[in-house]
Each structure stands twice: as structure tokens, then as C-alpha cells.
Amino acid sequence: MEQHLDRASQAVMRLSAALDDYAEAQEALHQLNTYYGSDEWKQDFADDEAGLLPNDLKRGVLSEDGIWNVLTDSGNLNSRIKEMAEEI
């Protein structure tokens, strides 16, 4: 039983910290969702294709897949959290 207690305690602490981080990331996720496919994103994408952006600028948000994947993963995680909460 002591092993169960140790394992559960560690898992609860890790999940609590992860949920704190995830809660703090919600505004960033909202901003990414708003940006993705917007006129601003389309212009940034066109500027990148035209070589107008600095070479050392990170372009993860212009890859399409990057934003799509994180938004999809977040939605799946939200569903998983909701399902787990309903089971408890």
C-alpha cells in the first residue's frame, strides 16, 4: 500500500503542476486559434513565401501543421480531462 501511496502522491503532484501550466497556456491557445487562418496569418505566410521575413525568424506558426496539431491536441486533451472528471 505504501507503494500505491507513493505512486499516487507523485502522480497527483505532477498532474497538478501540468494542469497549472495548461491553464496558463489557455490564452496562448486562444490567440493561436484566432490567428490561424486569419488575414494576418495569410499575410505573414505570403510575406514568408516572398522572402520578406528575416532568415533567423522562427516560422512554426506558418507551417500550418504546427498550429493545427497543437489546437487538435488541446481539444483532445480537453475531452480526455472532461471524460476523466465524469468517471470520478
C-alpha atoms as a PDB file:
ATOM      1  CA  MET A   1       0.000   0.000   0.000  1.00  0.00           C
ATOM      2  CA  GLU A   2       2.900   2.303   0.688  1.00  0.00           C
ATOM      3  CA  GLN A   3       3.994   1.960  -2.957  1.00  0.00           C
ATOM      4  CA  HIS A   4       0.484   2.844  -4.092  1.00  0.00           C
ATOM      5  CA  LEU A   5       0.530   5.908  -1.863  1.00  0.00           C
ATOM      6  CA  ASP A   6       3.929   6.999  -3.184  1.00  0.00           C
ATOM      7  CA  ARG A   7       2.934   6.469  -6.807  1.00  0.00           C
ATOM      8  CA  ALA A   8      -0.411   8.236  -6.387  1.00  0.00           C
ATOM      9  CA  SER A   9       1.157  11.160  -4.495  1.00  0.00           C
ATOM     10  CA  GLN A  10       3.777  11.690  -7.194  1.00  0.00           C
ATOM     11  CA  ALA A  11       1.207  11.428  -9.984  1.00  0.00           C
ATOM     12  CA  VAL A  12      -1.109  13.918  -8.282  1.00  0.00           C
ATOM     13  CA  MET A  13       1.724  16.436  -7.800  1.00  0.00           C
ATOM     14  CA  ARG A  14       2.899  16.095 -11.435  1.00  0.00           C
ATOM     15  CA  LEU A  15      -0.629  16.385 -12.818  1.00  0.00           C
ATOM     16  CA  SER A  16      -1.366  19.394 -10.636  1.00  0.00           C
ATOM     17  CA  ALA A  17       1.726  21.179 -11.942  1.00  0.00           C
ATOM     18  CA  ALA A  18       0.903  20.200 -15.537  1.00  0.00           C
ATOM     19  CA  LEU A  19      -2.670  21.454 -15.157  1.00  0.00           C
ATOM     20  CA  ASP A  20      -1.369  24.758 -13.785  1.00  0.00           C
ATOM     21  CA  ASP A  21       0.848  25.116 -16.872  1.00  0.00           C
ATOM     22  CA  TYR A  22      -2.010  24.115 -19.178  1.00  0.00           C
ATOM     23  CA  ALA A  23      -4.386  26.602 -17.540  1.00  0.00           C
ATOM     24  CA  GLU A  24      -1.822  29.357 -18.046  1.00  0.00           C
ATOM     25  CA  ALA A  25      -1.479  28.373 -21.727  1.00  0.00           C
ATOM     26  CA  GLN A  26      -5.197  28.819 -22.462  1.00  0.00           C
ATOM     27  CA  GLU A  27      -4.808  32.446 -23.535  1.00  0.00           C
ATOM     28  CA  ALA A  28      -1.969  31.447 -25.875  1.00  0.00           C
ATOM     29  CA  LEU A  29      -4.153  28.706 -27.349  1.00  0.00           C
ATOM     30  CA  HIS A  30      -6.970  31.205 -27.834  1.00  0.00           C
ATOM     31  CA  GLN A  31      -4.617  33.638 -29.579  1.00  0.00           C
ATOM     32  CA  LEU A  32      -3.276  30.884 -31.858  1.00  0.00           C
ATOM     33  CA  ASN A  33      -6.815  29.806 -32.723  1.00  0.00           C
ATOM     34  CA  THR A  34      -7.735  33.379 -33.614  1.00  0.00           C
ATOM     35  CA  TYR A  35      -4.538  33.912 -35.649  1.00  0.00           C
ATOM     36  CA  TYR A  36      -4.685  30.632 -37.601  1.00  0.00           C
ATOM     37  CA  GLY A  37      -6.355  31.247 -40.957  1.00  0.00           C
ATOM     38  CA  SER A  38      -6.855  34.955 -40.253  1.00  0.00           C
ATOM     39  CA  ASP A  39      -5.927  37.699 -42.716  1.00  0.00           C
ATOM     40  CA  GLU A  40      -2.889  38.431 -40.543  1.00  0.00           C
ATOM     41  CA  TRP A  41      -1.743  34.794 -40.785  1.00  0.00           C
ATOM     42  CA  LYS A  42      -2.325  34.787 -44.559  1.00  0.00           C
ATOM     43  CA  GLN A  43      -0.242  37.958 -44.938  1.00  0.00           C
ATOM     44  CA  ASP A  44       2.542  36.579 -42.746  1.00  0.00           C
ATOM     45  CA  PHE A  45       2.514  33.379 -44.808  1.00  0.00           C
ATOM     46  CA  ALA A  46       2.662  35.368 -48.075  1.00  0.00           C
ATOM     47  CA  ASP A  47       5.485  37.519 -46.702  1.00  0.00           C
ATOM     48  CA  ASP A  48       7.406  34.385 -45.764  1.00  0.00           C
ATOM     49  CA  GLU A  49       6.873  32.853 -49.201  1.00  0.00           C
ATOM     50  CA  ALA A  50       8.116  36.112 -50.771  1.00  0.00           C
ATOM     51  CA  GLY A  51      11.268  36.032 -48.611  1.00  0.00           C
ATOM     52  CA  LEU A  52      10.327  39.194 -46.731  1.00  0.00           C
ATOM     53  CA  LEU A  53      10.782  37.785 -43.249  1.00  0.00           C
ATOM     54  CA  PRO A  54      14.191  37.616 -41.506  1.00  0.00           C
ATOM     55  CA  ASN A  55      16.034  34.328 -42.061  1.00  0.00           C
ATOM     56  CA  ASP A  56      16.507  33.745 -38.338  1.00  0.00           C
ATOM     57  CA  LEU A  57      12.802  34.200 -37.526  1.00  0.00           C
ATOM     58  CA  LYS A  58      11.075  31.079 -36.202  1.00  0.00           C
ATOM     59  CA  ARG A  59       8.267  30.001 -38.536  1.00  0.00           C
ATOM     60  CA  GLY A  60       6.414  27.299 -36.619  1.00  0.00           C
ATOM     61  CA  VAL A  61       3.156  29.240 -36.782  1.00  0.00           C
ATOM     62  CA  LEU A  62       3.407  29.437 -40.562  1.00  0.00           C
ATOM     63  CA  SER A  63       3.805  25.706 -41.051  1.00  0.00           C
ATOM     64  CA  GLU A  64       0.016  25.206 -40.810  1.00  0.00           C
ATOM     65  CA  ASP A  65       0.567  21.796 -39.236  1.00  0.00           C
ATOM     66  CA  GLY A  66       2.166  23.282 -36.119  1.00  0.00           C
ATOM     67  CA  ILE A  67      -0.859  25.334 -35.051  1.00  0.00           C
ATOM     68  CA  TRP A  68      -3.340  22.730 -36.300  1.00  0.00           C
ATOM     69  CA  ASN A  69      -1.626  19.983 -34.320  1.00  0.00           C
ATOM     70  CA  VAL A  70      -1.448  21.918 -31.056  1.00  0.00           C
ATOM     71  CA  LEU A  71      -5.086  23.035 -31.335  1.00  0.00           C
ATOM     72  CA  THR A  72      -6.219  19.495 -32.140  1.00  0.00           C
ATOM     73  CA  ASP A  73      -4.108  18.040 -29.325  1.00  0.00           C
ATOM     74  CA  SER A  74      -5.540  20.617 -26.932  1.00  0.00           C
ATOM     75  CA  GLY A  75      -9.095  19.780 -27.949  1.00  0.00           C
ATOM     76  CA  ASN A  76      -8.402  16.071 -27.494  1.00  0.00           C
ATOM     77  CA  LEU A  77      -6.846  16.740 -24.099  1.00  0.00           C
ATOM     78  CA  ASN A  78      -9.858  18.811 -23.040  1.00  0.00           C
ATOM     79  CA  SER A  79     -12.139  15.911 -23.993  1.00  0.00           C
ATOM     80  CA  ARG A  80      -9.960  13.490 -22.086  1.00  0.00           C
ATOM     81  CA  ILE A  81      -9.973  15.683 -18.972  1.00  0.00           C
ATOM     82  CA  LYS A  82     -13.753  16.009 -19.170  1.00  0.00           C
ATOM     83  CA  GLU A  83     -14.209  12.232 -19.567  1.00  0.00           C
ATOM     84  CA  MET A  84     -11.922  11.529 -16.630  1.00  0.00           C
ATOM     85  CA  ALA A  85     -13.746  14.059 -14.451  1.00  0.00           C
ATOM     86  CA  GLU A  86     -17.080  12.435 -15.301  1.00  0.00           C
ATOM     87  CA  GLU A  87     -15.742   8.990 -14.346  1.00  0.00           C
ATOM     88  CA  ILE A  88     -14.582  10.088 -10.911  1.00  0.00           C
END
